[in-house]
Protein backbone atom coordinates (compact mmCIF):
# COMPACT_ATOMS: atom_id res chain seq x y z
CA MET A 1 -7.75 -3.76 -22.72
CA SER A 2 -7.93 -0.15 -21.56
CA ARG A 3 -4.74 1.89 -21.26
CA LEU A 4 -5.97 3.37 -17.96
CA PRO A 5 -4.32 0.78 -15.65
CA PHE A 6 -0.99 1.26 -17.44
CA LEU A 7 -1.11 5.02 -16.87
CA PHE A 8 -1.29 4.48 -13.12
CA ILE A 9 1.21 1.61 -13.06
CA ILE A 10 3.84 3.42 -15.12
CA THR A 11 3.38 6.62 -13.09
CA GLY A 12 3.63 4.55 -9.90
CA ILE A 13 6.89 3.00 -11.11
CA PHE A 14 8.22 6.49 -11.83
CA GLY A 15 7.16 7.59 -8.32
CA PHE A 16 8.92 4.58 -6.83
CA VAL A 17 12.16 5.46 -8.62
CA MET A 18 11.86 9.10 -7.58
CA TYR A 19 11.30 8.18 -3.94
CA HIS A 20 14.39 5.98 -3.79
CA ALA A 21 16.44 8.47 -5.82
CA PHE A 22 15.67 11.22 -3.30
CA SER A 23 16.38 8.80 -0.45
CA LEU A 24 19.78 8.06 -1.98
CA LEU A 25 20.55 11.78 -2.26
CA SER A 26 19.85 12.21 1.45
CA LEU A 27 21.40 8.82 2.37
CA THR A 28 18.03 8.12 4.05
CA GLY A 29 19.00 10.79 6.58
CA TRP A 30 15.47 12.21 6.51
CA LEU A 31 14.32 9.19 8.56
CA GLY A 32 16.38 10.37 11.50
CA ASP A 33 14.99 13.90 11.37
CA GLU A 34 11.64 15.22 12.51
CA LEU A 35 9.16 13.58 10.13
CA ARG A 36 6.52 16.24 10.66
CA GLY A 37 8.31 18.80 8.56
CA PRO A 38 8.55 19.65 4.83
CA GLU A 39 11.18 16.99 4.05
CA GLY A 40 9.35 14.28 6.00
CA TRP A 41 6.01 15.21 4.44
CA PHE A 42 7.61 15.18 0.97
CA HIS A 43 9.09 11.69 1.35
CA ALA A 44 6.00 10.27 3.08
CA HIS A 45 3.56 11.51 0.43
CA LEU A 46 5.85 10.53 -2.43
CA PHE A 47 6.04 7.00 -0.99
CA VAL A 48 2.40 6.56 0.03
CA LEU A 49 0.66 8.45 -2.79
CA GLY A 50 3.30 8.73 -5.51
CA TRP A 51 4.03 5.05 -5.87
CA ALA A 52 2.12 2.71 -3.53
CA THR A 53 -1.32 4.28 -4.00
CA MET A 54 -0.70 5.05 -7.68
CA LEU A 55 0.30 1.47 -8.44
CA ALA A 56 -2.55 0.09 -6.32
CA MET A 57 -5.12 2.21 -8.18
CA GLY A 58 -3.84 0.94 -11.52
CA ALA A 59 -4.09 -2.65 -10.31
CA ILE A 60 -7.63 -2.04 -9.03
CA TYR A 61 -8.82 -0.63 -12.35
CA GLN A 62 -7.73 -3.85 -14.04
CA LEU A 63 -8.33 -6.47 -11.36
CA ILE A 64 -11.83 -5.25 -10.53
CA HIS A 65 -12.80 -6.66 -13.93
CA VAL A 66 -11.33 -10.03 -12.95
CA ILE A 67 -13.16 -9.98 -9.60
CA LEU A 68 -16.57 -8.81 -10.82
CA GLN A 69 -16.47 -10.13 -14.42
CA SER A 70 -17.82 -6.73 -15.46
CA ASN A 71 -16.31 -3.49 -16.69
CA ILE A 72 -15.56 -0.39 -14.65
CA TYR A 73 -18.49 2.05 -14.43
CA SER A 74 -16.77 4.88 -16.32
CA LEU A 75 -13.42 4.96 -18.07
CA LEU A 76 -13.83 8.72 -18.52
CA LEU A 77 -14.08 9.16 -14.76
CA GLY A 78 -10.94 7.02 -14.47
CA TYR A 79 -8.98 9.30 -16.81
CA CYS A 80 -10.29 12.40 -15.00
CA HIS A 81 -9.24 10.78 -11.72
CA TYR A 82 -5.74 10.22 -13.08
CA PHE A 83 -5.45 13.81 -14.30
CA PHE A 84 -6.61 15.47 -11.06
CA PHE A 85 -4.75 13.09 -8.76
CA THR A 86 -1.45 13.25 -10.64
CA ILE A 87 -1.47 17.04 -11.10
CA GLY A 88 -2.53 17.54 -7.49
CA LEU A 89 0.10 15.19 -6.10
CA THR A 90 2.84 16.79 -8.18
CA GLY A 91 1.80 20.20 -6.92
CA MET A 92 1.72 18.99 -3.32
CA LEU A 93 5.25 17.62 -3.57
CA CYS A 94 6.47 20.89 -5.08
CA GLY A 95 4.68 22.72 -2.29
CA PHE A 96 6.46 20.68 0.36
CA ILE A 97 9.83 21.49 -1.26
CA ARG A 98 8.96 25.17 -1.48
CA GLY A 99 7.38 25.29 1.97
CA ASP A 100 4.41 27.11 0.43
CA VAL A 101 1.18 26.48 2.36
CA HIS A 102 -1.07 27.97 -0.33
CA TRP A 103 0.56 25.85 -3.04
CA ILE A 104 0.06 22.73 -0.89
CA ALA A 105 -3.59 23.59 -0.18
CA GLY A 106 -4.49 24.22 -3.82
CA SER A 107 -2.75 21.07 -5.04
CA ALA A 108 -4.22 18.95 -2.23
CA THR A 109 -7.67 20.06 -3.38
CA LEU A 110 -6.97 18.73 -6.88
CA ALA A 111 -5.64 15.44 -5.46
CA LEU A 112 -8.74 15.12 -3.27
CA ILE A 113 -11.01 15.66 -6.29
CA GLY A 114 -9.15 12.78 -7.96
CA ILE A 115 -9.66 10.55 -4.92
CA LEU A 116 -13.37 11.42 -4.77
CA LEU A 117 -13.77 10.56 -8.46
CA PHE A 118 -12.00 7.24 -7.82
CA GLY A 119 -14.24 6.51 -4.82
CA TRP A 120 -17.39 7.30 -6.81
CA ASN A 121 -16.27 5.19 -9.77
CA MET A 122 -15.54 2.22 -7.53
CA ALA A 123 -18.74 2.62 -5.50
CA VAL A 124 -21.01 2.64 -8.58
CA THR A 125 -19.07 -0.27 -10.13
CA LEU A 126 -19.39 -2.40 -7.00
CA PHE A 127 -23.05 -1.59 -6.37
CA ARG A 128 -24.00 -2.29 -9.98
CA ALA A 129 -22.26 -5.68 -9.81
CA SER A 130 -23.96 -6.57 -6.49
CA GLN A 131 -21.46 -9.33 -5.79
CA TRP A 132 -20.96 -8.94 -2.06
CA ASN A 133 -18.32 -11.21 -0.58
CA PRO A 134 -15.15 -10.64 1.51
CA VAL A 135 -13.20 -9.60 -1.61
CA THR A 136 -15.63 -6.94 -2.84
CA ILE A 137 -16.51 -5.70 0.67
CA SER A 138 -12.79 -5.33 1.47
CA ALA A 139 -12.31 -3.37 -1.77
CA ALA A 140 -15.25 -1.12 -0.91
CA CYS A 141 -13.96 -0.52 2.62
CA SER A 142 -10.44 0.26 1.39
CA CYS A 143 -11.77 2.87 -1.07
CA LEU A 144 -13.94 4.39 1.67
CA TYR A 145 -10.94 4.70 3.99
CA LEU A 146 -8.94 6.32 1.18
CA VAL A 147 -11.68 8.94 0.69
CA LEU A 148 -11.88 9.58 4.46
CA THR A 149 -8.08 9.88 4.58
CA GLY A 150 -8.19 12.50 1.86
CA LEU A 151 -10.98 14.43 3.58
CA SER A 152 -9.21 14.39 6.95
CA GLY A 153 -6.02 15.57 5.24
CA MET A 154 -7.95 18.46 3.68
CA LEU A 155 -9.41 19.39 7.08
CA MET A 156 -5.90 19.45 8.54
CA GLY A 157 -4.76 21.67 5.70
CA LEU A 158 -7.62 24.11 6.31
CA ASN A 159 -6.90 24.13 10.00
CA PHE A 160 -3.20 24.72 9.32
CA ALA A 161 -4.07 27.70 7.12
CA PHE A 162 -6.73 29.28 9.33
CA GLY A 163 -5.97 27.81 12.78
CA GLN A 164 -9.59 27.52 13.91
CA TRP A 165 -9.49 24.05 15.52
CA ASN A 166 -6.22 23.98 17.42
CA GLY A 167 -7.23 21.10 19.68
CA LEU A 168 -8.53 19.00 16.82
CA HIS A 169 -5.44 19.12 14.58
CA GLU A 170 -3.44 16.45 16.45
CA ARG A 171 -6.47 14.19 16.66
CA LEU A 172 -7.13 14.51 12.94
CA PHE A 173 -3.48 13.78 12.22
CA GLY A 174 -3.60 10.48 14.10
CA ALA A 175 -6.86 9.43 12.44
CA HIS A 176 -5.50 10.49 9.03
CA ILE A 177 -2.44 8.26 9.38
CA TRP A 178 -4.41 5.34 10.87
CA MET A 179 -7.04 5.29 8.10
CA GLY A 180 -4.53 5.84 5.30
CA THR A 181 -2.22 3.04 6.37
CA LEU A 182 -4.26 0.36 8.11
CA GLY A 183 -7.57 1.20 6.42
CA TRP A 184 -6.68 1.84 2.77
CA PHE A 185 -3.67 -0.44 2.34
CA GLY A 186 -4.65 -3.09 4.89
CA MET A 187 -8.13 -3.75 3.53
CA LEU A 188 -6.89 -3.56 -0.06
CA ILE A 189 -4.07 -6.08 0.36
CA THR A 190 -6.05 -8.58 2.41
CA GLY A 191 -9.11 -8.36 0.16
CA PHE A 192 -7.27 -8.71 -3.14
CA SER A 193 -5.08 -11.49 -1.73
CA TYR A 194 -8.21 -13.64 -1.34
CA LYS A 195 -8.55 -13.50 -5.12
CA MET A 196 -4.93 -13.29 -6.27
CA LEU A 197 -3.30 -16.02 -4.17
CA PRO A 198 -5.76 -18.79 -5.11
CA MET A 199 -5.40 -17.73 -8.76
CA PHE A 200 -1.60 -17.96 -8.71
CA TYR A 201 -1.55 -21.12 -6.57
CA LEU A 202 -4.46 -22.70 -8.50
CA SER A 203 -6.16 -23.41 -5.17
CA HIS A 204 -9.70 -24.73 -4.90
CA ASP A 205 -12.17 -25.94 -2.26
CA TYR A 206 -10.71 -24.00 0.67
CA SER A 207 -12.85 -22.49 3.42
CA ILE A 208 -13.52 -18.72 3.23
CA ARG A 209 -14.78 -18.48 6.81
CA LEU A 210 -11.60 -16.78 8.00
CA GLN A 211 -11.94 -14.16 5.27
CA LYS A 212 -15.09 -12.92 7.00
CA VAL A 213 -13.34 -13.00 10.39
CA VAL A 214 -10.39 -10.97 9.07
CA LEU A 215 -12.77 -8.49 7.43
CA CYS A 216 -14.62 -7.89 10.71
CA LEU A 217 -11.52 -7.76 12.93
CA TRP A 218 -9.52 -5.49 10.60
CA ASN A 219 -12.41 -3.05 10.23
CA ALA A 220 -12.92 -3.09 13.98
CA ALA A 221 -9.21 -2.31 14.48
CA VAL A 222 -9.37 0.63 12.07
CA ILE A 223 -12.58 2.06 13.56
CA THR A 224 -11.36 1.62 17.14
CA GLY A 225 -8.08 3.35 16.34
CA VAL A 226 -9.85 6.26 14.62
CA ILE A 227 -12.15 6.69 17.64
CA ALA A 228 -9.13 6.61 19.96
CA PHE A 229 -7.41 9.41 18.05
CA LEU A 230 -10.47 11.59 17.41
CA THR A 231 -11.71 11.44 21.00
CA GLY A 232 -8.25 11.71 22.53
CA ILE A 233 -9.07 8.66 24.70
CA GLN A 234 -5.98 6.70 23.77
CA ASP A 235 -5.26 5.00 27.10
CA GLY A 236 -6.27 1.41 26.59
CA LEU A 237 -8.36 2.06 23.47
CA LEU A 238 -5.38 2.30 21.14
CA TRP A 239 -3.91 -0.88 22.62
CA PHE A 240 -7.27 -2.60 22.11
CA ALA A 241 -7.16 -1.54 18.45
CA LEU A 242 -3.71 -3.14 18.20
CA LEU A 243 -5.11 -6.28 19.84
CA LEU A 244 -7.85 -6.46 17.19
CA LEU A 245 -5.25 -5.92 14.45
CA SER A 246 -3.08 -8.70 15.90
CA ALA A 247 -6.03 -11.10 15.84
CA ALA A 248 -6.85 -10.03 12.27
CA ILE A 249 -3.33 -10.53 10.90
CA ILE A 250 -2.97 -13.91 12.66
CA CYS A 251 -6.24 -15.10 11.12
CA TYR A 252 -5.13 -13.69 7.76
CA VAL A 253 -1.82 -15.57 7.84
CA PHE A 254 -3.57 -18.76 8.89
CA HIS A 255 -5.98 -18.37 5.96
CA LEU A 256 -3.04 -17.98 3.57
CA GLU A 257 -1.84 -21.36 4.86
CA GLN A 258 -5.28 -22.83 4.10
CA ILE A 259 -5.03 -21.55 0.54
CA GLN A 260 -1.57 -23.04 0.15
CA GLU A 261 -2.74 -26.42 1.45
CA LYS A 262 -5.32 -26.63 -1.35
CA ARG A 263 -2.93 -25.56 -4.10
CA HIS A 264 -2.48 -27.40 -7.38
CA LYS A 265 0.57 -25.40 -8.42
CA LYS A 266 3.75 -25.91 -6.45
CA ASN A 267 5.58 -22.75 -7.55
CA PRO A 268 3.42 -19.59 -8.03
CA GLY A 269 6.56 -17.47 -8.50
CA PRO A 270 8.99 -15.90 -6.01
CA GLY A 271 7.01 -12.66 -5.75
CA ILE A 272 3.91 -14.50 -4.56
CA ARG A 273 5.86 -16.71 -2.15
CA TRP A 274 7.52 -13.66 -0.61
CA SER A 275 4.17 -11.94 -0.16
CA VAL A 276 3.28 -14.84 2.15
CA TYR A 277 6.64 -14.71 3.96
CA VAL A 278 6.40 -10.98 4.71
CA SER A 279 2.84 -11.46 6.00
CA ARG A 280 4.15 -13.98 8.51
CA ALA A 281 6.94 -11.63 9.54
CA PHE A 282 4.47 -8.75 9.94
CA ALA A 283 2.27 -10.93 12.15
CA VAL A 284 5.25 -11.69 14.40
CA TYR A 285 6.10 -7.99 14.68
CA VAL A 286 2.52 -6.97 15.54
CA VAL A 287 2.28 -9.58 18.29
CA ALA A 288 5.68 -8.50 19.68
CA LEU A 289 4.54 -4.85 19.62
CA LEU A 290 1.30 -5.82 21.38
CA ILE A 291 3.22 -7.54 24.18
CA TYR A 292 5.72 -4.67 24.47
CA SER A 293 3.04 -1.97 24.63
CA ALA A 294 1.01 -3.85 27.24
CA GLN A 295 3.17 -2.00 29.78
CA GLY A 296 1.53 1.29 28.77
CA THR A 297 -0.25 2.75 25.74
CA ASP A 298 2.14 5.70 25.71
CA LEU A 299 4.86 3.31 24.48
CA LEU A 300 2.97 2.97 21.19
CA LEU A 301 3.29 6.70 20.54
CA HIS A 302 7.00 6.99 21.31
CA PRO A 303 8.65 8.57 18.21
CA ARG A 304 11.06 5.70 17.67
CA VAL A 305 8.31 3.08 18.02
CA VAL A 306 6.11 5.02 15.58
CA LEU A 307 8.98 5.29 13.09
CA LEU A 308 9.89 1.60 13.46
CA SER A 309 6.28 0.44 13.15
CA GLY A 310 5.62 2.72 10.21
CA TRP A 311 8.63 1.38 8.36
CA VAL A 312 7.86 -2.28 9.16
CA TYR A 313 4.30 -1.78 7.94
CA LEU A 314 4.72 0.53 4.94
CA GLY A 315 8.32 -0.14 3.92
CA GLY A 316 8.04 -3.82 4.80
CA TRP A 317 4.65 -5.50 4.52
CA VAL A 318 2.87 -3.06 2.18
CA SER A 319 5.83 -2.31 -0.08
CA LEU A 320 7.14 -5.85 -0.45
CA THR A 321 3.65 -7.26 -0.95
CA ILE A 322 2.92 -4.78 -3.74
CA LEU A 323 6.32 -5.41 -5.34
CA GLY A 324 5.79 -9.16 -5.10
CA TYR A 325 2.38 -8.98 -6.75
CA ALA A 326 3.71 -6.54 -9.37
CA SER A 327 6.16 -9.21 -10.56
CA LYS A 328 3.15 -11.28 -11.66
CA ILE A 329 0.50 -8.67 -12.42
CA VAL A 330 2.56 -6.39 -14.70
CA PRO A 331 3.77 -9.20 -17.04
CA PHE A 332 0.24 -10.64 -17.08
CA LEU A 333 -1.38 -7.31 -18.01
CA TRP A 334 1.21 -6.46 -20.66
CA TRP A 335 1.20 -9.92 -22.24
CA THR A 336 -2.62 -9.87 -22.38
CA HIS A 337 -2.56 -6.38 -23.89
CA LYS A 338 0.07 -7.17 -26.53
CA TYR A 339 -0.45 -10.86 -27.32
CA GLY A 340 -3.80 -11.91 -25.83
CA LYS A 341 -5.46 -12.26 -29.23
CA GLN A 342 -2.41 -14.00 -30.73
CA ALA A 343 -1.99 -16.72 -28.11
CA GLY A 344 -0.69 -19.98 -29.57
CA ARG A 345 0.59 -18.47 -32.79
CA PRO A 346 4.23 -19.01 -33.85
CA GLY A 347 6.62 -16.40 -32.49
CA VAL A 348 4.36 -15.27 -29.66
CA PRO A 349 6.38 -15.27 -26.40
CA LEU A 350 5.21 -17.20 -23.37
CA MET A 351 3.92 -15.20 -20.43
CA ALA A 352 6.47 -16.96 -18.20
CA GLY A 353 9.27 -15.53 -20.32
CA MET A 354 8.27 -11.91 -19.83
CA LEU A 355 10.17 -11.55 -16.53
CA SER A 356 13.04 -13.59 -15.08
CA GLU A 357 11.98 -15.25 -11.83
CA ARG A 358 15.62 -15.51 -10.80
CA TYR A 359 16.00 -11.73 -10.88
CA VAL A 360 12.76 -11.34 -8.93
CA GLN A 361 13.91 -13.83 -6.29
CA TRP A 362 17.32 -12.25 -5.70
CA GLY A 363 15.92 -8.74 -5.95
CA ILE A 364 13.40 -9.35 -3.17
CA ILE A 365 16.01 -11.12 -1.02
CA ALA A 366 18.33 -8.12 -1.38
CA MET A 367 15.51 -5.68 -0.57
CA VAL A 368 14.58 -7.70 2.51
CA GLY A 369 18.24 -7.61 3.60
CA GLY A 370 18.42 -3.83 3.14
CA SER A 371 15.14 -3.38 4.99
CA LEU A 372 16.32 -5.49 7.93
CA LEU A 373 19.51 -3.45 8.16
CA LEU A 374 17.52 -0.21 8.05
CA VAL A 375 15.08 -1.45 10.69
CA SER A 376 18.02 -2.53 12.87
CA GLY A 377 19.43 1.00 12.61
CA ILE A 378 16.10 2.48 13.72
CA LEU A 379 15.85 -0.04 16.56
CA ILE A 380 19.30 0.71 17.99
CA ASN A 381 19.08 4.40 16.99
CA LEU A 382 22.31 4.34 14.99
CA ALA A 383 22.25 6.70 11.99
CA GLU A 384 25.18 5.01 10.22
CA VAL A 385 23.40 1.64 10.11
CA MET A 386 20.22 3.32 8.88
CA MET A 387 22.15 5.05 6.10
CA VAL A 388 23.88 1.87 4.94
CA GLY A 389 20.65 -0.15 5.04
CA GLY A 390 18.67 2.62 3.34
CA THR A 391 21.28 3.07 0.62
CA ILE A 392 21.38 -0.67 -0.15
CA LEU A 393 17.59 -0.82 -0.14
CA SER A 394 17.18 2.13 -2.51
CA MET A 395 19.81 0.90 -4.97
CA ILE A 396 18.34 -2.60 -5.12
CA SER A 397 14.78 -1.26 -5.28
CA ILE A 398 15.55 0.89 -8.32
CA ALA A 399 17.19 -2.09 -10.05
CA TYR A 400 14.21 -4.32 -9.16
CA ILE A 401 11.54 -1.95 -10.48
CA ALA A 402 13.64 -1.25 -13.60
CA ASN A 403 13.61 -4.99 -14.30
CA ILE A 404 9.80 -4.99 -14.04
CA ALA A 405 9.55 -1.86 -16.21
CA LEU A 406 11.55 -3.60 -18.95
CA VAL A 407 8.54 -5.87 -19.43
CA PHE A 408 6.94 -3.01 -21.39
CA LYS A 409 9.70 -3.29 -24.01
CA ARG A 410 8.92 -6.91 -24.74
């Protein structure tokens, strides 16, 4: 097995610890400040790129082999991608701390080169395999949205430096966020779940019709939202994008139930079970937001609603889903790497013994509790509650990821 996935996963774990360490130092106070400033940009990019995207890329490099039953197009491109992306991201974060526009621009260029290399590597791999189904199409779409997110971010950086498209900057910013969150993470999680959940549940003979429905609805939601931001025609159009997303997530959750109904394994592990629970909770939130914003599209863009929705989506659904899957994927990858050729021999540990499910269960429960407290603080606009919830969440999160990292010592 290639060491490439481990480079991304270990770096992503380090980014996760760094994000929560910095959050602890600020007592999550940065959430209550203006997010569109150096500190907000630093925390947002450390979270989205430093750990969630980094870990996701590592998982893709390994799981694409499981999905396609073929190797990645170029391992060399993968290592080049890691080098450019990691150096660029590190420079960007330093630039945000320093408040140096030129430093940010130069580093962002390196990070974008890494993303483009990743996109090219994935595109050639998928086209050479020619296995087009909801899983592979979702993976292709997610990588495309990541590339477009990087390009739109670069355009914003150029505009910030030279100020030539003043009217376009805000529109690009909205499209940048929409594609990077709903496009990249949304398509990635839904697509890979179609492969991962049946594998962990040992499910067979379930219908995949809803996978195609989710694929169409989710893409339509992303494209509609991007059009709404880029054209500035947000009245009604943005709400319609949310309507499409609501339909997509409802169909997605219903399909997860179909997979569970056909399962042959009662307990896939607490991380996998919680990935289903948080999907249900996210569906409830999206429907509630749809009903609330029916009074006027401007409600969707209220700063507190944006902050709340961003945290529910990224800090809730995306983060907890990735952490849940990591509790199964990391032990599986490491056991295969270390003991795959020695399976069945005396003294070789069982894969189930690589990570305590009890620690995973209580760790996720504690993180959910901290997240709910933090979300409650945002909802009622009470900084003290946000700080307590954020502090609990960060402390538990560091302990949780440390427990997963200890797998590499086994």
